[in-house]
Every structure is written in structure tokens, then in C-alpha cells.
Amino acid sequence: MEGAALVAMGDNRSFRGDAGLMLGIGPFKVALEYASGRSASVIGKPAPALPRRLHAPGVGAGRGDDAR
């Protein structure tokens, strides 16, 4: 039996929140990948699975987006 798939909403390191720079999903994704020995599929932005039109300049950029 293979078990469940490991799926993550994103892999950003950090984002700007109300309290300033916040830890993003990426570090948690990497920790779960390490602990499980599996690779996660990223389904949130900016994952390749999203339609290309969402990656146009200025579209989707805003509060909570990756602060890198």
C-alpha cells in the first residue's frame, strides 16, 4: 500500500502579514517531505498547474504574496 499523496498549497518561504514578515508554507512542506520521505505536489500559486494567464505581470500580486 502506497499511502496518501502529499499535497501542499504552496512553497513560499515567507509573506508579509499584519505583524510583518511571516513564515510561509515552504518550510513546513520541506519538513513534511523530509519526515515522510515523499515529495509534495504543489497546487497553489505559482504552481505550474495554474493557468498561465494568472502569471501575467500585475495579476495576482498583492497582500500575502511571497515577500522574497
PDB file of N, CA and C in Angstrom:
ATOM      1  N   MET A   1       0.839  -1.184   0.000  1.00  0.00           N
ATOM      2  CA  MET A   1       0.000   0.000   0.000  1.00  0.00           C
ATOM      3  C   MET A   1       0.882   1.245   0.000  1.00  0.00           C
ATOM      4  N   GLU A   2       0.601   2.176  -0.879  1.00  0.00           N
ATOM      5  CA  GLU A   2       1.426   3.365  -1.066  1.00  0.00           C
ATOM      6  C   GLU A   2       1.141   4.475  -0.067  1.00  0.00           C
ATOM      7  N   GLY A   3      -0.046   4.586   0.451  1.00  0.00           N
ATOM      8  CA  GLY A   3      -0.390   5.689   1.345  1.00  0.00           C
ATOM      9  C   GLY A   3      -0.944   6.874   0.580  1.00  0.00           C
ATOM     10  N   ALA A   4      -1.220   7.932   1.297  1.00  0.00           N
ATOM     11  CA  ALA A   4      -1.823   9.131   0.707  1.00  0.00           C
ATOM     12  C   ALA A   4      -0.775   9.996   0.021  1.00  0.00           C
ATOM     13  N   ALA A   5      -1.235  10.782  -0.937  1.00  0.00           N
ATOM     14  CA  ALA A   5      -0.359  11.739  -1.609  1.00  0.00           C
ATOM     15  C   ALA A   5      -0.082  12.909  -0.671  1.00  0.00           C
ATOM     16  N   LEU A   6       1.094  13.482  -0.793  1.00  0.00           N
ATOM     17  CA  LEU A   6       1.453  14.669  -0.019  1.00  0.00           C
ATOM     18  C   LEU A   6       1.237  15.876  -0.925  1.00  0.00           C
ATOM     19  N   VAL A   7       0.321  16.747  -0.535  1.00  0.00           N
ATOM     20  CA  VAL A   7      -0.062  17.895  -1.354  1.00  0.00           C
ATOM     21  C   VAL A   7       0.122  19.166  -0.539  1.00  0.00           C
ATOM     22  N   ALA A   8       0.730  20.181  -1.146  1.00  0.00           N
ATOM     23  CA  ALA A   8       0.940  21.467  -0.475  1.00  0.00           C
ATOM     24  C   ALA A   8       0.276  22.580  -1.280  1.00  0.00           C
ATOM     25  N   MET A   9      -0.199  23.586  -0.582  1.00  0.00           N
ATOM     26  CA  MET A   9      -0.836  24.730  -1.242  1.00  0.00           C
ATOM     27  C   MET A   9       0.185  25.691  -1.849  1.00  0.00           C
ATOM     28  N   GLY A  10       1.431  25.591  -1.446  1.00  0.00           N
ATOM     29  CA  GLY A  10       2.466  26.464  -1.979  1.00  0.00           C
ATOM     30  C   GLY A  10       3.811  26.080  -1.414  1.00  0.00           C
ATOM     31  N   ASP A  11       4.837  26.851  -1.779  1.00  0.00           N
ATOM     32  CA  ASP A  11       6.163  26.584  -1.230  1.00  0.00           C
ATOM     33  C   ASP A  11       6.930  27.876  -0.960  1.00  0.00           C
ATOM     34  N   ASN A  12       6.183  28.938  -0.671  1.00  0.00           N
ATOM     35  CA  ASN A  12       6.837  30.217  -0.391  1.00  0.00           C
ATOM     36  C   ASN A  12       7.537  30.202   0.965  1.00  0.00           C
ATOM     37  N   ARG A  13       8.651  30.907   1.056  1.00  0.00           N
ATOM     38  CA  ARG A  13       9.413  30.972   2.308  1.00  0.00           C
ATOM     39  C   ARG A  13       8.750  31.876   3.328  1.00  0.00           C
ATOM     40  N   SER A  14       8.238  32.999   2.854  1.00  0.00           N
ATOM     41  CA  SER A  14       7.670  33.984   3.765  1.00  0.00           C
ATOM     42  C   SER A  14       6.646  34.839   3.039  1.00  0.00           C
ATOM     43  N   PHE A  15       5.903  35.608   3.813  1.00  0.00           N
ATOM     44  CA  PHE A  15       4.955  36.564   3.253  1.00  0.00           C
ATOM     45  C   PHE A  15       4.781  37.698   4.247  1.00  0.00           C
ATOM     46  N   ARG A  16       4.289  38.812   3.762  1.00  0.00           N
ATOM     47  CA  ARG A  16       4.058  39.962   4.639  1.00  0.00           C
ATOM     48  C   ARG A  16       2.634  39.892   5.178  1.00  0.00           C
ATOM     49  N   GLY A  17       2.522  39.825   6.488  1.00  0.00           N
ATOM     50  CA  GLY A  17       1.226  39.793   7.149  1.00  0.00           C
ATOM     51  C   GLY A  17       1.036  41.031   7.998  1.00  0.00           C
ATOM     52  N   ASP A  18      -0.017  41.054   8.782  1.00  0.00           N
ATOM     53  CA  ASP A  18      -0.302  42.201   9.647  1.00  0.00           C
ATOM     54  C   ASP A  18       0.821  42.461  10.646  1.00  0.00           C
ATOM     55  N   ALA A  19       1.497  41.412  11.080  1.00  0.00           N
ATOM     56  CA  ALA A  19       2.569  41.542  12.072  1.00  0.00           C
ATOM     57  C   ALA A  19       3.948  41.640  11.428  1.00  0.00           C
ATOM     58  N   GLY A  20       4.000  41.851  10.111  1.00  0.00           N
ATOM     59  CA  GLY A  20       5.280  41.931   9.411  1.00  0.00           C
ATOM     60  C   GLY A  20       5.564  40.655   8.642  1.00  0.00           C
ATOM     61  N   LEU A  21       6.835  40.332   8.495  1.00  0.00           N
ATOM     62  CA  LEU A  21       7.245  39.156   7.734  1.00  0.00           C
ATOM     63  C   LEU A  21       6.885  37.886   8.507  1.00  0.00           C
ATOM     64  N   MET A  22       6.165  36.983   7.858  1.00  0.00           N
ATOM     65  CA  MET A  22       5.671  35.760   8.493  1.00  0.00           C
ATOM     66  C   MET A  22       6.254  34.536   7.779  1.00  0.00           C
ATOM     67  N   LEU A  23       6.364  33.444   8.502  1.00  0.00           N
ATOM     68  CA  LEU A  23       6.842  32.191   7.936  1.00  0.00           C
ATOM     69  C   LEU A  23       5.789  31.641   6.977  1.00  0.00           C
ATOM     70  N   GLY A  24       6.208  31.289   5.768  1.00  0.00           N
ATOM     71  CA  GLY A  24       5.285  30.773   4.761  1.00  0.00           C
ATOM     72  C   GLY A  24       5.105  29.265   4.858  1.00  0.00           C
ATOM     73  N   ILE A  25       4.492  28.697   3.844  1.00  0.00           N
ATOM     74  CA  ILE A  25       4.192  27.268   3.805  1.00  0.00           C
ATOM     75  C   ILE A  25       5.432  26.425   3.500  1.00  0.00           C
ATOM     76  N   GLY A  26       6.372  26.978   2.746  1.00  0.00           N
ATOM     77  CA  GLY A  26       7.536  26.231   2.281  1.00  0.00           C
ATOM     78  C   GLY A  26       8.306  25.463   3.338  1.00  0.00           C
ATOM     79  N   PRO A  27       8.677  26.094   4.448  1.00  0.00           N
ATOM     80  CA  PRO A  27       9.423  25.360   5.469  1.00  0.00           C
ATOM     81  C   PRO A  27       8.648  24.167   6.045  1.00  0.00           C
ATOM     82  N   PHE A  28       7.344  24.308   6.168  1.00  0.00           N
ATOM     83  CA  PHE A  28       6.520  23.202   6.670  1.00  0.00           C
ATOM     84  C   PHE A  28       6.430  22.086   5.635  1.00  0.00           C
ATOM     85  N   LYS A  29       6.333  22.478   4.354  1.00  0.00           N
ATOM     86  CA  LYS A  29       6.295  21.490   3.270  1.00  0.00           C
ATOM     87  C   LYS A  29       7.580  20.667   3.259  1.00  0.00           C
ATOM     88  N   VAL A  30       8.714  21.348   3.363  1.00  0.00           N
ATOM     89  CA  VAL A  30      10.008  20.661   3.343  1.00  0.00           C
ATOM     90  C   VAL A  30      10.142  19.724   4.547  1.00  0.00           C
ATOM     91  N   ALA A  31       9.693  20.167   5.714  1.00  0.00           N
ATOM     92  CA  ALA A  31       9.764  19.322   6.910  1.00  0.00           C
ATOM     93  C   ALA A  31       8.906  18.066   6.745  1.00  0.00           C
ATOM     94  N   LEU A  32       7.712  18.222   6.184  1.00  0.00           N
ATOM     95  CA  LEU A  32       6.844  17.059   5.964  1.00  0.00           C
ATOM     96  C   LEU A  32       7.415  16.126   4.904  1.00  0.00           C
ATOM     97  N   GLU A  33       8.036  16.694   3.861  1.00  0.00           N
ATOM     98  CA  GLU A  33       8.682  15.859   2.848  1.00  0.00           C
ATOM     99  C   GLU A  33       9.806  15.042   3.477  1.00  0.00           C
ATOM    100  N   TYR A  34      10.606  15.690   4.296  1.00  0.00           N
ATOM    101  CA  TYR A  34      11.718  15.003   4.955  1.00  0.00           C
ATOM    102  C   TYR A  34      11.206  13.899   5.881  1.00  0.00           C
ATOM    103  N   ALA A  35      10.211  14.223   6.695  1.00  0.00           N
ATOM    104  CA  ALA A  35       9.691  13.259   7.665  1.00  0.00           C
ATOM    105  C   ALA A  35       9.001  12.071   6.993  1.00  0.00           C
ATOM    106  N   SER A  36       8.346  12.327   5.861  1.00  0.00           N
ATOM    107  CA  SER A  36       7.599  11.260   5.193  1.00  0.00           C
ATOM    108  C   SER A  36       8.421  10.515   4.146  1.00  0.00           C
ATOM    109  N   GLY A  37       9.527  11.122   3.707  1.00  0.00           N
ATOM    110  CA  GLY A  37      10.314  10.509   2.643  1.00  0.00           C
ATOM    111  C   GLY A  37       9.644  10.614   1.288  1.00  0.00           C
ATOM    112  N   ARG A  38       8.687  11.519   1.160  1.00  0.00           N
ATOM    113  CA  ARG A  38       7.940  11.706  -0.092  1.00  0.00           C
ATOM    114  C   ARG A  38       8.097  13.133  -0.576  1.00  0.00           C
ATOM    115  N   SER A  39       7.850  13.356  -1.850  1.00  0.00           N
ATOM    116  CA  SER A  39       7.841  14.702  -2.416  1.00  0.00           C
ATOM    117  C   SER A  39       6.403  15.189  -2.500  1.00  0.00           C
ATOM    118  N   ALA A  40       6.199  16.441  -2.148  1.00  0.00           N
ATOM    119  CA  ALA A  40       4.856  17.016  -2.198  1.00  0.00           C
ATOM    120  C   ALA A  40       4.564  17.578  -3.580  1.00  0.00           C
ATOM    121  N   SER A  41       3.319  17.496  -3.987  1.00  0.00           N
ATOM    122  CA  SER A  41       2.844  18.172  -5.190  1.00  0.00           C
ATOM    123  C   SER A  41       2.327  19.533  -4.752  1.00  0.00           C
ATOM    124  N   VAL A  42       2.804  20.591  -5.404  1.00  0.00           N
ATOM    125  CA  VAL A  42       2.363  21.944  -5.072  1.00  0.00           C
ATOM    126  C   VAL A  42       1.234  22.325  -6.014  1.00  0.00           C
ATOM    127  N   ILE A  43       0.082  22.700  -5.441  1.00  0.00           N
ATOM    128  CA  ILE A  43      -1.074  23.019  -6.275  1.00  0.00           C
ATOM    129  C   ILE A  43      -1.489  24.485  -6.201  1.00  0.00           C
ATOM    130  N   GLY A  44      -0.907  25.265  -5.307  1.00  0.00           N
ATOM    131  CA  GLY A  44      -1.255  26.682  -5.192  1.00  0.00           C
ATOM    132  C   GLY A  44      -0.343  27.542  -6.048  1.00  0.00           C
ATOM    133  N   LYS A  45      -0.592  28.856  -6.055  1.00  0.00           N
ATOM    134  CA  LYS A  45       0.242  29.724  -6.879  1.00  0.00           C
ATOM    135  C   LYS A  45       1.638  29.845  -6.300  1.00  0.00           C
ATOM    136  N   PRO A  46       2.657  29.897  -7.068  1.00  0.00           N
ATOM    137  CA  PRO A  46       2.701  29.913  -8.530  1.00  0.00           C
ATOM    138  C   PRO A  46       2.998  28.544  -9.130  1.00  0.00           C
ATOM    139  N   ALA A  47       2.249  27.540  -8.789  1.00  0.00           N
ATOM    140  CA  ALA A  47       2.469  26.190  -9.305  1.00  0.00           C
ATOM    141  C   ALA A  47       2.190  26.135 -10.805  1.00  0.00           C
ATOM    142  N   PRO A  48       2.946  25.314 -11.535  1.00  0.00           N
ATOM    143  CA  PRO A  48       2.729  25.181 -12.979  1.00  0.00           C
ATOM    144  C   PRO A  48       1.317  24.718 -13.330  1.00  0.00           C
ATOM    145  N   ALA A  49       0.610  24.107 -12.391  1.00  0.00           N
ATOM    146  CA  ALA A  49      -0.733  23.614 -12.672  1.00  0.00           C
ATOM    147  C   ALA A  49      -1.748  24.741 -12.848  1.00  0.00           C
ATOM    148  N   LEU A  50      -1.425  25.940 -12.384  1.00  0.00           N
ATOM    149  CA  LEU A  50      -2.343  27.066 -12.552  1.00  0.00           C
ATOM    150  C   LEU A  50      -2.322  27.560 -13.990  1.00  0.00           C
ATOM    151  N   PRO A  51      -3.433  28.106 -14.451  1.00  0.00           N
ATOM    152  CA  PRO A  51      -3.456  28.638 -15.824  1.00  0.00           C
ATOM    153  C   PRO A  51      -2.404  29.724 -16.016  1.00  0.00           C
ATOM    154  N   ARG A  52      -1.772  29.719 -17.158  1.00  0.00           N
ATOM    155  CA  ARG A  52      -0.694  30.661 -17.454  1.00  0.00           C
ATOM    156  C   ARG A  52      -1.163  32.109 -17.381  1.00  0.00           C
ATOM    157  N   ARG A  53      -2.411  32.377 -17.667  1.00  0.00           N
ATOM    158  CA  ARG A  53      -2.902  33.754 -17.664  1.00  0.00           C
ATOM    159  C   ARG A  53      -2.826  34.394 -16.283  1.00  0.00           C
ATOM    160  N   LEU A  54      -2.801  33.600 -15.230  1.00  0.00           N
ATOM    161  CA  LEU A  54      -2.698  34.153 -13.889  1.00  0.00           C
ATOM    162  C   LEU A  54      -1.308  34.696 -13.598  1.00  0.00           C
ATOM    163  N   HIS A  55      -0.342  34.348 -14.435  1.00  0.00           N
ATOM    164  CA  HIS A  55       1.033  34.777 -14.209  1.00  0.00           C
ATOM    165  C   HIS A  55       1.394  36.025 -15.009  1.00  0.00           C
ATOM    166  N   ALA A  56       0.401  36.691 -15.570  1.00  0.00           N
ATOM    167  CA  ALA A  56       0.666  37.925 -16.307  1.00  0.00           C
ATOM    168  C   ALA A  56       1.145  39.003 -15.331  1.00  0.00           C
ATOM    169  N   PRO A  57       1.999  39.924 -15.783  1.00  0.00           N
ATOM    170  CA  PRO A  57       2.501  40.973 -14.891  1.00  0.00           C
ATOM    171  C   PRO A  57       1.368  41.732 -14.205  1.00  0.00           C
ATOM    172  N   GLY A  58       1.459  41.856 -12.895  1.00  0.00           N
ATOM    173  CA  GLY A  58       0.476  42.611 -12.130  1.00  0.00           C
ATOM    174  C   GLY A  58      -0.765  41.841 -11.735  1.00  0.00           C
ATOM    175  N   VAL A  59      -0.954  40.654 -12.280  1.00  0.00           N
ATOM    176  CA  VAL A  59      -2.138  39.863 -11.947  1.00  0.00           C
ATOM    177  C   VAL A  59      -1.815  38.948 -10.780  1.00  0.00           C
ATOM    178  N   GLY A  60      -2.606  39.007  -9.754  1.00  0.00           N
ATOM    179  CA  GLY A  60      -2.432  38.121  -8.612  1.00  0.00           C
ATOM    180  C   GLY A  60      -1.441  38.613  -7.579  1.00  0.00           C
ATOM    181  N   ALA A  61      -0.703  39.667  -7.871  1.00  0.00           N
ATOM    182  CA  ALA A  61       0.257  40.183  -6.896  1.00  0.00           C
ATOM    183  C   ALA A  61      -0.487  41.050  -5.889  1.00  0.00           C
ATOM    184  N   GLY A  62      -0.261  40.802  -4.650  1.00  0.00           N
ATOM    185  CA  GLY A  62      -0.935  41.599  -3.637  1.00  0.00           C
ATOM    186  C   GLY A  62      -0.605  41.127  -2.251  1.00  0.00           C
ATOM    187  N   ARG A  63      -1.359  41.554  -1.306  1.00  0.00           N
ATOM    188  CA  ARG A  63      -1.142  41.230   0.098  1.00  0.00           C
ATOM    189  C   ARG A  63      -1.077  39.716   0.295  1.00  0.00           C
ATOM    190  N   GLY A  64      -0.062  39.272   0.989  1.00  0.00           N
ATOM    191  CA  GLY A  64       0.090  37.857   1.265  1.00  0.00           C
ATOM    192  C   GLY A  64       0.918  37.105   0.239  1.00  0.00           C
ATOM    193  N   ASP A  65       1.270  37.750  -0.869  1.00  0.00           N
ATOM    194  CA  ASP A  65       2.108  37.072  -1.852  1.00  0.00           C
ATOM    195  C   ASP A  65       3.536  36.975  -1.336  1.00  0.00           C
ATOM    196  N   ASP A  66       4.295  36.095  -1.916  1.00  0.00           N
ATOM    197  CA  ASP A  66       5.669  35.834  -1.492  1.00  0.00           C
ATOM    198  C   ASP A  66       6.475  37.127  -1.383  1.00  0.00           C
ATOM    199  N   ALA A  67       7.151  37.306  -0.265  1.00  0.00           N
ATOM    200  CA  ALA A  67       7.902  38.538   0.000  1.00  0.00           C
ATOM    201  C   ALA A  67       9.364  38.443  -0.409  1.00  0.00           C
ATOM    202  N   ARG A  68       9.767  37.364  -1.067  1.00  0.00           N
ATOM    203  CA  ARG A  68      11.174  37.210  -1.459  1.00  0.00           C
ATOM    204  C   ARG A  68      11.628  38.295  -2.368  1.00  0.00           C
TER     205      ARG A  68
END
